[in-house]
């Protein structure tokens, strides 16, 4: 039997996977700090540190998108309305806000 489209758009709930890149960024923060403190000018050492730094840069650059998409999910399943200040994670000194975001998300949603 063929289903007839009535023209109404089905609204699907927001997805719950957008916290993962933010969580990876949180895990990378101490790694990048340690690598920055013990970094030597050795080219072999740079083979390890460059990919970690690049991943951290990419996740930081796209963090406002991840926050926006995760914010939609969080607002649909809890009473928490994440502040717009979390978008400022894109600025390197404020990347530490990602730790606060993940903590608050866990407090209200339970995952991670």
PDB file of N, CA and C in Angstrom:
ATOM      1  N   UNK A   1       0.850  -1.168   0.000  1.00  0.00           N
ATOM      2  CA  UNK A   1       0.000   0.000   0.000  1.00  0.00           C
ATOM      3  C   UNK A   1       0.899   1.235   0.000  1.00  0.00           C
ATOM      4  N   UNK A   2       0.565   2.170  -0.815  1.00  0.00           N
ATOM      5  CA  UNK A   2       1.362   3.384  -0.958  1.00  0.00           C
ATOM      6  C   UNK A   2       0.902   4.436   0.040  1.00  0.00           C
ATOM      7  N   UNK A   3       1.888   5.089   0.677  1.00  0.00           N
ATOM      8  CA  UNK A   3       1.570   6.110   1.670  1.00  0.00           C
ATOM      9  C   UNK A   3       1.436   7.460   0.961  1.00  0.00           C
ATOM     10  N   UNK A   4       0.385   8.189   1.299  1.00  0.00           N
ATOM     11  CA  UNK A   4       0.125   9.470   0.681  1.00  0.00           C
ATOM     12  C   UNK A   4       0.747  10.571   1.525  1.00  0.00           C
ATOM     13  N   UNK A   5       1.482  11.455   0.872  1.00  0.00           N
ATOM     14  CA  UNK A   5       2.096  12.590   1.551  1.00  0.00           C
ATOM     15  C   UNK A   5       1.062  13.701   1.681  1.00  0.00           C
ATOM     16  N   UNK A   6       0.778  14.099   2.898  1.00  0.00           N
ATOM     17  CA  UNK A   6      -0.237  15.128   3.131  1.00  0.00           C
ATOM     18  C   UNK A   6       0.346  16.527   3.100  1.00  0.00           C
ATOM     19  N   UNK A   7       1.643  16.636   2.868  1.00  0.00           N
ATOM     20  CA  UNK A   7       2.261  17.951   2.804  1.00  0.00           C
ATOM     21  C   UNK A   7       2.803  18.427   4.139  1.00  0.00           C
ATOM     22  N   UNK A   8       2.528  17.679   5.199  1.00  0.00           N
ATOM     23  CA  UNK A   8       3.027  18.062   6.513  1.00  0.00           C
ATOM     24  C   UNK A   8       4.441  17.535   6.686  1.00  0.00           C
ATOM     25  N   UNK A   9       5.304  18.383   7.134  1.00  0.00           N
ATOM     26  CA  UNK A   9       6.692  17.983   7.368  1.00  0.00           C
ATOM     27  C   UNK A   9       6.786  17.261   8.701  1.00  0.00           C
ATOM     28  N   UNK A  10       7.440  16.119   8.663  1.00  0.00           N
ATOM     29  CA  UNK A  10       7.648  15.394   9.913  1.00  0.00           C
ATOM     30  C   UNK A  10       8.774  16.075  10.670  1.00  0.00           C
ATOM     31  N   UNK A  11       8.540  16.307  11.943  1.00  0.00           N
ATOM     32  CA  UNK A  11       9.601  16.932  12.734  1.00  0.00           C
ATOM     33  C   UNK A  11      10.320  15.838  13.503  1.00  0.00           C
ATOM     34  N   UNK A  12      11.606  15.707  13.211  1.00  0.00           N
ATOM     35  CA  UNK A  12      12.392  14.702  13.910  1.00  0.00           C
ATOM     36  C   UNK A  12      13.123  15.368  15.067  1.00  0.00           C
ATOM     37  N   UNK A  13      13.296  14.637  16.139  1.00  0.00           N
ATOM     38  CA  UNK A  13      13.990  15.226  17.293  1.00  0.00           C
ATOM     39  C   UNK A  13      15.459  15.477  16.947  1.00  0.00           C
ATOM     40  N   UNK A  14      16.055  16.481  17.581  1.00  0.00           N
ATOM     41  CA  UNK A  14      17.491  16.736  17.348  1.00  0.00           C
ATOM     42  C   UNK A  14      18.319  15.535  17.775  1.00  0.00           C
ATOM     43  N   UNK A  15      19.461  15.374  17.160  1.00  0.00           N
ATOM     44  CA  UNK A  15      20.316  14.228  17.458  1.00  0.00           C
ATOM     45  C   UNK A  15      21.191  14.482  18.673  1.00  0.00           C
ATOM     46  N   UNK A  16      21.548  13.388  19.335  1.00  0.00           N
ATOM     47  CA  UNK A  16      22.306  13.450  20.577  1.00  0.00           C
ATOM     48  C   UNK A  16      23.787  13.151  20.381  1.00  0.00           C
ATOM     49  N   UNK A  17      24.327  13.414  19.236  1.00  0.00           N
ATOM     50  CA  UNK A  17      25.731  13.068  19.027  1.00  0.00           C
ATOM     51  C   UNK A  17      26.658  14.269  18.963  1.00  0.00           C
ATOM     52  N   UNK A  18      26.135  15.465  19.055  1.00  0.00           N
ATOM     53  CA  UNK A  18      26.949  16.663  18.850  1.00  0.00           C
ATOM     54  C   UNK A  18      27.822  17.014  20.043  1.00  0.00           C
ATOM     55  N   UNK A  19      27.627  16.360  21.163  1.00  0.00           N
ATOM     56  CA  UNK A  19      28.511  16.586  22.309  1.00  0.00           C
ATOM     57  C   UNK A  19      29.846  15.877  22.124  1.00  0.00           C
ATOM     58  N   UNK A  20      29.920  14.883  21.247  1.00  0.00           N
ATOM     59  CA  UNK A  20      31.134  14.083  21.086  1.00  0.00           C
ATOM     60  C   UNK A  20      32.332  14.930  20.641  1.00  0.00           C
ATOM     61  N   UNK A  21      32.213  15.795  19.604  1.00  0.00           N
ATOM     62  CA  UNK A  21      33.383  16.615  19.262  1.00  0.00           C
ATOM     63  C   UNK A  21      33.788  17.565  20.384  1.00  0.00           C
ATOM     64  N   UNK A  22      32.815  18.036  21.141  1.00  0.00           N
ATOM     65  CA  UNK A  22      33.131  18.911  22.271  1.00  0.00           C
ATOM     66  C   UNK A  22      33.854  18.100  23.353  1.00  0.00           C
ATOM     67  N   UNK A  23      33.410  16.865  23.562  1.00  0.00           N
ATOM     68  CA  UNK A  23      34.077  15.989  24.514  1.00  0.00           C
ATOM     69  C   UNK A  23      35.504  15.655  24.091  1.00  0.00           C
ATOM     70  N   UNK A  24      35.716  15.463  22.802  1.00  0.00           N
ATOM     71  CA  UNK A  24      37.077  15.214  22.304  1.00  0.00           C
ATOM     72  C   UNK A  24      37.943  16.442  22.545  1.00  0.00           C
ATOM     73  N   UNK A  25      37.367  17.612  22.316  1.00  0.00           N
ATOM     74  CA  UNK A  25      38.110  18.853  22.578  1.00  0.00           C
ATOM     75  C   UNK A  25      38.488  18.949  24.056  1.00  0.00           C
ATOM     76  N   UNK A  26      37.580  18.577  24.936  1.00  0.00           N
ATOM     77  CA  UNK A  26      37.864  18.581  26.374  1.00  0.00           C
ATOM     78  C   UNK A  26      39.020  17.624  26.681  1.00  0.00           C
ATOM     79  N   UNK A  27      39.032  16.464  26.045  1.00  0.00           N
ATOM     80  CA  UNK A  27      40.115  15.505  26.273  1.00  0.00           C
ATOM     81  C   UNK A  27      41.439  15.996  25.695  1.00  0.00           C
ATOM     82  N   UNK A  28      41.373  16.770  24.619  1.00  0.00           N
ATOM     83  CA  UNK A  28      42.596  17.272  23.987  1.00  0.00           C
ATOM     84  C   UNK A  28      43.235  18.421  24.759  1.00  0.00           C
ATOM     85  N   UNK A  29      42.481  19.136  25.554  1.00  0.00           N
ATOM     86  CA  UNK A  29      43.021  20.301  26.263  1.00  0.00           C
ATOM     87  C   UNK A  29      44.216  19.926  27.131  1.00  0.00           C
ATOM     88  N   UNK A  30      44.110  18.948  28.031  1.00  0.00           N
ATOM     89  CA  UNK A  30      45.303  18.625  28.833  1.00  0.00           C
ATOM     90  C   UNK A  30      46.435  18.048  27.988  1.00  0.00           C
ATOM     91  N   UNK A  31      46.097  17.307  26.942  1.00  0.00           N
ATOM     92  CA  UNK A  31      47.133  16.761  26.069  1.00  0.00           C
ATOM     93  C   UNK A  31      47.906  17.885  25.395  1.00  0.00           C
ATOM     94  N   UNK A  32      47.186  18.892  24.888  1.00  0.00           N
ATOM     95  CA  UNK A  32      47.852  20.011  24.221  1.00  0.00           C
ATOM     96  C   UNK A  32      48.675  20.831  25.209  1.00  0.00           C
ATOM     97  N   UNK A  33      48.197  20.961  26.440  1.00  0.00           N
ATOM     98  CA  UNK A  33      48.961  21.704  27.445  1.00  0.00           C
ATOM     99  C   UNK A  33      50.263  20.971  27.763  1.00  0.00           C
ATOM    100  N   UNK A  34      50.181  19.666  27.976  1.00  0.00           N
ATOM    101  CA  UNK A  34      51.386  18.890  28.277  1.00  0.00           C
ATOM    102  C   UNK A  34      52.349  18.911  27.095  1.00  0.00           C
ATOM    103  N   UNK A  35      51.831  18.722  25.892  1.00  0.00           N
ATOM    104  CA  UNK A  35      52.703  18.753  24.714  1.00  0.00           C
ATOM    105  C   UNK A  35      53.341  20.123  24.533  1.00  0.00           C
ATOM    106  N   UNK A  36      52.611  21.158  24.853  1.00  0.00           N
ATOM    107  CA  UNK A  36      53.169  22.500  24.747  1.00  0.00           C
ATOM    108  C   UNK A  36      54.269  22.762  25.762  1.00  0.00           C
ATOM    109  N   UNK A  37      54.130  22.156  26.934  1.00  0.00           N
ATOM    110  CA  UNK A  37      55.142  22.358  27.970  1.00  0.00           C
ATOM    111  C   UNK A  37      56.417  21.564  27.724  1.00  0.00           C
ATOM    112  N   UNK A  38      56.280  20.401  27.116  1.00  0.00           N
ATOM    113  CA  UNK A  38      57.463  19.558  26.920  1.00  0.00           C
ATOM    114  C   UNK A  38      57.925  19.524  25.462  1.00  0.00           C
ATOM    115  N   UNK A  39      57.330  20.369  24.629  1.00  0.00           N
ATOM    116  CA  UNK A  39      57.674  20.352  23.202  1.00  0.00           C
ATOM    117  C   UNK A  39      59.135  20.730  22.987  1.00  0.00           C
ATOM    118  N   UNK A  40      59.753  19.979  22.130  1.00  0.00           N
ATOM    119  CA  UNK A  40      61.125  20.295  21.758  1.00  0.00           C
ATOM    120  C   UNK A  40      61.146  20.624  20.266  1.00  0.00           C
ATOM    121  N   UNK A  41      62.188  21.259  19.800  1.00  0.00           N
ATOM    122  CA  UNK A  41      62.234  21.613  18.380  1.00  0.00           C
ATOM    123  C   UNK A  41      62.596  20.438  17.477  1.00  0.00           C
ATOM    124  N   UNK A  42      62.527  19.233  17.968  1.00  0.00           N
ATOM    125  CA  UNK A  42      62.868  18.040  17.207  1.00  0.00           C
ATOM    126  C   UNK A  42      61.800  17.761  16.131  1.00  0.00           C
ATOM    127  N   UNK A  43      62.173  17.594  14.874  1.00  0.00           N
ATOM    128  CA  UNK A  43      61.184  17.317  13.811  1.00  0.00           C
ATOM    129  C   UNK A  43      60.423  16.013  14.040  1.00  0.00           C
ATOM    130  N   UNK A  44      61.055  15.004  14.624  1.00  0.00           N
ATOM    131  CA  UNK A  44      60.364  13.752  14.905  1.00  0.00           C
ATOM    132  C   UNK A  44      59.234  13.967  15.907  1.00  0.00           C
ATOM    133  N   UNK A  45      59.463  14.787  16.894  1.00  0.00           N
ATOM    134  CA  UNK A  45      58.451  15.102  17.908  1.00  0.00           C
ATOM    135  C   UNK A  45      57.277  15.831  17.268  1.00  0.00           C
ATOM    136  N   UNK A  46      57.574  16.655  16.259  1.00  0.00           N
ATOM    137  CA  UNK A  46      56.526  17.401  15.560  1.00  0.00           C
ATOM    138  C   UNK A  46      55.593  16.477  14.788  1.00  0.00           C
ATOM    139  N   UNK A  47      56.074  15.305  14.386  1.00  0.00           N
ATOM    140  CA  UNK A  47      55.204  14.349  13.697  1.00  0.00           C
ATOM    141  C   UNK A  47      54.050  13.905  14.588  1.00  0.00           C
ATOM    142  N   UNK A  48      54.268  13.887  15.893  1.00  0.00           N
ATOM    143  CA  UNK A  48      53.210  13.514  16.824  1.00  0.00           C
ATOM    144  C   UNK A  48      52.372  14.725  17.245  1.00  0.00           C
ATOM    145  N   UNK A  49      53.022  15.843  17.491  1.00  0.00           N
ATOM    146  CA  UNK A  49      52.299  17.000  18.018  1.00  0.00           C
ATOM    147  C   UNK A  49      51.471  17.717  16.956  1.00  0.00           C
ATOM    148  N   UNK A  50      51.921  17.718  15.710  1.00  0.00           N
ATOM    149  CA  UNK A  50      51.195  18.440  14.659  1.00  0.00           C
ATOM    150  C   UNK A  50      49.774  17.905  14.443  1.00  0.00           C
ATOM    151  N   UNK A  51      49.551  16.590  14.337  1.00  0.00           N
ATOM    152  CA  UNK A  51      48.172  16.111  14.167  1.00  0.00           C
ATOM    153  C   UNK A  51      47.275  16.422  15.361  1.00  0.00           C
ATOM    154  N   UNK A  52      47.833  16.342  16.557  1.00  0.00           N
ATOM    155  CA  UNK A  52      47.041  16.656  17.755  1.00  0.00           C
ATOM    156  C   UNK A  52      46.653  18.133  17.748  1.00  0.00           C
ATOM    157  N   UNK A  53      47.613  18.995  17.418  1.00  0.00           N
ATOM    158  CA  UNK A  53      47.334  20.433  17.354  1.00  0.00           C
ATOM    159  C   UNK A  53      46.334  20.746  16.248  1.00  0.00           C
ATOM    160  N   UNK A  54      46.460  20.082  15.101  1.00  0.00           N
ATOM    161  CA  UNK A  54      45.529  20.314  13.995  1.00  0.00           C
ATOM    162  C   UNK A  54      44.113  19.883  14.370  1.00  0.00           C
ATOM    163  N   UNK A  55      43.991  18.727  15.001  1.00  0.00           N
ATOM    164  CA  UNK A  55      42.673  18.270  15.454  1.00  0.00           C
ATOM    165  C   UNK A  55      42.075  19.251  16.458  1.00  0.00           C
ATOM    166  N   UNK A  56      42.888  19.717  17.393  1.00  0.00           N
ATOM    167  CA  UNK A  56      42.410  20.708  18.357  1.00  0.00           C
ATOM    168  C   UNK A  56      41.968  21.988  17.686  1.00  0.00           C
ATOM    169  N   UNK A  57      42.714  22.436  16.679  1.00  0.00           N
ATOM    170  CA  UNK A  57      42.346  23.656  15.952  1.00  0.00           C
ATOM    171  C   UNK A  57      41.029  23.470  15.204  1.00  0.00           C
ATOM    172  N   UNK A  58      40.880  22.349  14.512  1.00  0.00           N
ATOM    173  CA  UNK A  58      39.652  22.100  13.738  1.00  0.00           C
ATOM    174  C   UNK A  58      38.441  22.017  14.661  1.00  0.00           C
ATOM    175  N   UNK A  59      38.569  21.286  15.768  1.00  0.00           N
ATOM    176  CA  UNK A  59      37.447  21.169  16.707  1.00  0.00           C
ATOM    177  C   UNK A  59      37.112  22.517  17.337  1.00  0.00           C
ATOM    178  N   UNK A  60      38.123  23.312  17.639  1.00  0.00           N
ATOM    179  CA  UNK A  60      37.878  24.641  18.205  1.00  0.00           C
ATOM    180  C   UNK A  60      37.193  25.535  17.182  1.00  0.00           C
ATOM    181  N   UNK A  61      37.638  25.471  15.934  1.00  0.00           N
ATOM    182  CA  UNK A  61      37.064  26.315  14.878  1.00  0.00           C
ATOM    183  C   UNK A  61      35.589  25.999  14.647  1.00  0.00           C
ATOM    184  N   UNK A  62      35.233  24.722  14.665  1.00  0.00           N
ATOM    185  CA  UNK A  62      33.846  24.327  14.406  1.00  0.00           C
ATOM    186  C   UNK A  62      33.010  24.189  15.678  1.00  0.00           C
ATOM    187  N   UNK A  63      33.569  24.509  16.827  1.00  0.00           N
ATOM    188  CA  UNK A  63      32.855  24.336  18.094  1.00  0.00           C
ATOM    189  C   UNK A  63      31.541  25.114  18.180  1.00  0.00           C
ATOM    190  N   UNK A  64      31.426  26.334  17.638  1.00  0.00           N
ATOM    191  CA  UNK A  64      30.115  26.993  17.712  1.00  0.00           C
ATOM    192  C   UNK A  64      29.005  26.199  17.007  1.00  0.00           C
ATOM    193  N   UNK A  65      29.346  25.519  15.923  1.00  0.00           N
ATOM    194  CA  UNK A  65      28.349  24.698  15.225  1.00  0.00           C
ATOM    195  C   UNK A  65      27.955  23.511  16.096  1.00  0.00           C
ATOM    196  N   UNK A  66      28.945  22.858  16.712  1.00  0.00           N
ATOM    197  CA  UNK A  66      28.656  21.722  17.580  1.00  0.00           C
ATOM    198  C   UNK A  66      27.819  22.149  18.781  1.00  0.00           C
ATOM    199  N   UNK A  67      28.162  23.305  19.346  1.00  0.00           N
ATOM    200  CA  UNK A  67      27.399  23.823  20.499  1.00  0.00           C
ATOM    201  C   UNK A  67      25.962  24.112  20.077  1.00  0.00           C
ATOM    202  N   UNK A  68      25.787  24.749  18.936  1.00  0.00           N
ATOM    203  CA  UNK A  68      24.438  25.095  18.464  1.00  0.00           C
ATOM    204  C   UNK A  68      23.584  23.842  18.268  1.00  0.00           C
ATOM    205  N   UNK A  69      24.139  22.842  17.605  1.00  0.00           N
ATOM    206  CA  UNK A  69      23.376  21.623  17.342  1.00  0.00           C
ATOM    207  C   UNK A  69      23.108  20.836  18.626  1.00  0.00           C
ATOM    208  N   UNK A  70      24.072  20.795  19.521  1.00  0.00           N
ATOM    209  CA  UNK A  70      23.857  20.096  20.786  1.00  0.00           C
ATOM    210  C   UNK A  70      22.889  20.868  21.677  1.00  0.00           C
ATOM    211  N   UNK A  71      22.932  22.176  21.591  1.00  0.00           N
ATOM    212  CA  UNK A  71      22.025  23.016  22.382  1.00  0.00           C
ATOM    213  C   UNK A  71      20.569  22.713  22.019  1.00  0.00           C
ATOM    214  N   UNK A  72      20.305  22.476  20.745  1.00  0.00           N
ATOM    215  CA  UNK A  72      18.944  22.131  20.331  1.00  0.00           C
ATOM    216  C   UNK A  72      18.482  20.836  20.995  1.00  0.00           C
ATOM    217  N   UNK A  73      19.369  19.855  21.050  1.00  0.00           N
ATOM    218  CA  UNK A  73      19.016  18.587  21.697  1.00  0.00           C
ATOM    219  C   UNK A  73      18.803  18.782  23.193  1.00  0.00           C
ATOM    220  N   UNK A  74      19.733  19.455  23.835  1.00  0.00           N
ATOM    221  CA  UNK A  74      19.672  19.640  25.290  1.00  0.00           C
ATOM    222  C   UNK A  74      18.386  20.367  25.680  1.00  0.00           C
ATOM    223  N   UNK A  75      18.022  21.398  24.927  1.00  0.00           N
ATOM    224  CA  UNK A  75      16.801  22.138  25.240  1.00  0.00           C
ATOM    225  C   UNK A  75      15.553  21.299  25.034  1.00  0.00           C
ATOM    226  N   UNK A  76      15.612  20.319  24.120  1.00  0.00           N
ATOM    227  CA  UNK A  76      14.427  19.500  23.865  1.00  0.00           C
ATOM    228  C   UNK A  76      14.215  18.406  24.911  1.00  0.00           C
ATOM    229  N   UNK A  77      15.277  18.044  25.654  1.00  0.00           N
ATOM    230  CA  UNK A  77      15.143  16.943  26.612  1.00  0.00           C
ATOM    231  C   UNK A  77      15.341  17.353  28.062  1.00  0.00           C
ATOM    232  N   UNK A  78      15.686  18.619  28.319  1.00  0.00           N
ATOM    233  CA  UNK A  78      15.916  19.027  29.706  1.00  0.00           C
ATOM    234  C   UNK A  78      15.457  20.464  29.909  1.00  0.00           C
ATOM    235  N   UNK A  79      15.605  20.911  31.136  1.00  0.00           N
ATOM    236  CA  UNK A  79      15.222  22.291  31.461  1.00  0.00           C
ATOM    237  C   UNK A  79      16.379  23.262  31.288  1.00  0.00           C
ATOM    238  N   UNK A  80      17.549  22.741  30.956  1.00  0.00           N
ATOM    239  CA  UNK A  80      18.734  23.594  30.815  1.00  0.00           C
ATOM    240  C   UNK A  80      18.736  24.290  29.471  1.00  0.00           C
ATOM    241  N   UNK A  81      18.957  25.582  29.499  1.00  0.00           N
ATOM    242  CA  UNK A  81      19.102  26.380  28.283  1.00  0.00           C
ATOM    243  C   UNK A  81      20.528  26.917  28.280  1.00  0.00           C
ATOM    244  N   UNK A  82      21.455  26.242  27.564  1.00  0.00           N
ATOM    245  CA  UNK A  82      22.858  26.659  27.580  1.00  0.00           C
ATOM    246  C   UNK A  82      23.027  28.116  27.141  1.00  0.00           C
ATOM    247  N   UNK A  83      23.870  28.818  27.853  1.00  0.00           N
ATOM    248  CA  UNK A  83      24.138  30.227  27.589  1.00  0.00           C
ATOM    249  C   UNK A  83      24.815  30.418  26.237  1.00  0.00           C
ATOM    250  N   UNK A  84      24.607  31.566  25.661  1.00  0.00           N
ATOM    251  CA  UNK A  84      25.271  31.933  24.423  1.00  0.00           C
ATOM    252  C   UNK A  84      26.766  32.120  24.603  1.00  0.00           C
ATOM    253  N   UNK A  85      27.217  32.245  25.844  1.00  0.00           N
ATOM    254  CA  UNK A  85      28.642  32.390  26.119  1.00  0.00           C
ATOM    255  C   UNK A  85      29.430  31.179  25.661  1.00  0.00           C
ATOM    256  N   UNK A  86      28.787  30.030  25.566  1.00  0.00           N
ATOM    257  CA  UNK A  86      29.499  28.827  25.144  1.00  0.00           C
ATOM    258  C   UNK A  86      29.978  28.914  23.700  1.00  0.00           C
ATOM    259  N   UNK A  87      29.376  29.776  22.912  1.00  0.00           N
ATOM    260  CA  UNK A  87      29.845  29.967  21.534  1.00  0.00           C
ATOM    261  C   UNK A  87      31.250  30.563  21.504  1.00  0.00           C
ATOM    262  N   UNK A  88      31.660  31.203  22.581  1.00  0.00           N
ATOM    263  CA  UNK A  88      32.985  31.838  22.614  1.00  0.00           C
ATOM    264  C   UNK A  88      34.111  30.819  22.784  1.00  0.00           C
ATOM    265  N   UNK A  89      33.767  29.529  22.802  1.00  0.00           N
ATOM    266  CA  UNK A  89      34.786  28.483  22.847  1.00  0.00           C
ATOM    267  C   UNK A  89      35.716  28.600  21.645  1.00  0.00           C
ATOM    268  N   UNK A  90      35.262  29.239  20.600  1.00  0.00           N
ATOM    269  CA  UNK A  90      36.069  29.372  19.387  1.00  0.00           C
ATOM    270  C   UNK A  90      37.356  30.164  19.633  1.00  0.00           C
ATOM    271  N   UNK A  91      37.377  31.005  20.662  1.00  0.00           N
ATOM    272  CA  UNK A  91      38.571  31.786  20.970  1.00  0.00           C
ATOM    273  C   UNK A  91      39.485  30.959  21.871  1.00  0.00           C
ATOM    274  N   UNK A  92      40.722  30.721  21.445  1.00  0.00           N
ATOM    275  CA  UNK A  92      41.604  29.796  22.182  1.00  0.00           C
ATOM    276  C   UNK A  92      41.689  29.993  23.696  1.00  0.00           C
ATOM    277  N   UNK A  93      41.789  31.205  24.235  1.00  0.00           N
ATOM    278  CA  UNK A  93      41.842  31.288  25.704  1.00  0.00           C
ATOM    279  C   UNK A  93      40.544  30.826  26.370  1.00  0.00           C
ATOM    280  N   UNK A  94      39.443  30.901  25.642  1.00  0.00           N
ATOM    281  CA  UNK A  94      38.149  30.526  26.223  1.00  0.00           C
ATOM    282  C   UNK A  94      37.739  29.094  25.889  1.00  0.00           C
ATOM    283  N   UNK A  95      38.624  28.352  25.268  1.00  0.00           N
ATOM    284  CA  UNK A  95      38.328  26.955  24.944  1.00  0.00           C
ATOM    285  C   UNK A  95      38.069  26.144  26.205  1.00  0.00           C
ATOM    286  N   UNK A  96      38.582  26.606  27.327  1.00  0.00           N
ATOM    287  CA  UNK A  96      38.349  25.915  28.601  1.00  0.00           C
ATOM    288  C   UNK A  96      36.868  25.889  28.971  1.00  0.00           C
ATOM    289  N   UNK A  97      36.064  26.766  28.370  1.00  0.00           N
ATOM    290  CA  UNK A  97      34.617  26.729  28.615  1.00  0.00           C
ATOM    291  C   UNK A  97      34.004  25.413  28.156  1.00  0.00           C
ATOM    292  N   UNK A  98      34.677  24.713  27.260  1.00  0.00           N
ATOM    293  CA  UNK A  98      34.150  23.429  26.809  1.00  0.00           C
ATOM    294  C   UNK A  98      34.070  22.437  27.967  1.00  0.00           C
ATOM    295  N   UNK A  99      34.982  22.549  28.917  1.00  0.00           N
ATOM    296  CA  UNK A  99      34.938  21.692  30.103  1.00  0.00           C
ATOM    297  C   UNK A  99      33.686  21.995  30.917  1.00  0.00           C
ATOM    298  N   UNK A 100      33.393  23.267  31.085  1.00  0.00           N
ATOM    299  CA  UNK A 100      32.198  23.676  31.831  1.00  0.00           C
ATOM    300  C   UNK A 100      30.941  23.210  31.099  1.00  0.00           C
ATOM    301  N   UNK A 101      30.940  23.348  29.771  1.00  0.00           N
ATOM    302  CA  UNK A 101      29.772  22.932  28.983  1.00  0.00           C
ATOM    303  C   UNK A 101      29.507  21.438  29.165  1.00  0.00           C
ATOM    304  N   UNK A 102      30.544  20.617  29.035  1.00  0.00           N
ATOM    305  CA  UNK A 102      30.364  19.169  29.172  1.00  0.00           C
ATOM    306  C   UNK A 102      29.908  18.810  30.590  1.00  0.00           C
ATOM    307  N   UNK A 103      30.446  19.491  31.591  1.00  0.00           N
ATOM    308  CA  UNK A 103      30.033  19.239  32.973  1.00  0.00           C
ATOM    309  C   UNK A 103      28.547  19.587  33.162  1.00  0.00           C
ATOM    310  N   UNK A 104      28.152  20.768  32.700  1.00  0.00           N
ATOM    311  CA  UNK A 104      26.746  21.184  32.841  1.00  0.00           C
ATOM    312  C   UNK A 104      25.821  20.263  32.048  1.00  0.00           C
ATOM    313  N   UNK A 105      26.259  19.857  30.873  1.00  0.00           N
ATOM    314  CA  UNK A 105      25.444  18.953  30.053  1.00  0.00           C
ATOM    315  C   UNK A 105      25.240  17.639  30.795  1.00  0.00           C
ATOM    316  N   UNK A 106      26.291  17.133  31.401  1.00  0.00           N
ATOM    317  CA  UNK A 106      26.174  15.891  32.161  1.00  0.00           C
ATOM    318  C   UNK A 106      25.216  16.055  33.340  1.00  0.00           C
ATOM    319  N   UNK A 107      25.291  17.208  33.974  1.00  0.00           N
ATOM    320  CA  UNK A 107      24.439  17.481  35.139  1.00  0.00           C
ATOM    321  C   UNK A 107      22.951  17.473  34.756  1.00  0.00           C
ATOM    322  N   UNK A 108      22.609  18.025  33.596  1.00  0.00           N
ATOM    323  CA  UNK A 108      21.197  18.140  33.212  1.00  0.00           C
ATOM    324  C   UNK A 108      20.706  16.996  32.337  1.00  0.00           C
ATOM    325  N   UNK A 109      21.557  16.453  31.478  1.00  0.00           N
ATOM    326  CA  UNK A 109      21.122  15.426  30.537  1.00  0.00           C
ATOM    327  C   UNK A 109      21.581  14.039  30.969  1.00  0.00           C
ATOM    328  N   UNK A 110      22.738  13.954  31.600  1.00  0.00           N
ATOM    329  CA  UNK A 110      23.221  12.674  32.078  1.00  0.00           C
ATOM    330  C   UNK A 110      24.256  12.021  31.187  1.00  0.00           C
ATOM    331  N   UNK A 111      24.319  12.405  29.937  1.00  0.00           N
ATOM    332  CA  UNK A 111      25.310  11.831  29.018  1.00  0.00           C
ATOM    333  C   UNK A 111      26.153  12.980  28.528  1.00  0.00           C
ATOM    334  N   UNK A 112      27.372  12.899  28.551  1.00  0.00           N
ATOM    335  CA  UNK A 112      28.323  11.849  28.847  1.00  0.00           C
ATOM    336  C   UNK A 112      28.468  11.648  30.332  1.00  0.00           C
TER     337      UNK A 112
END
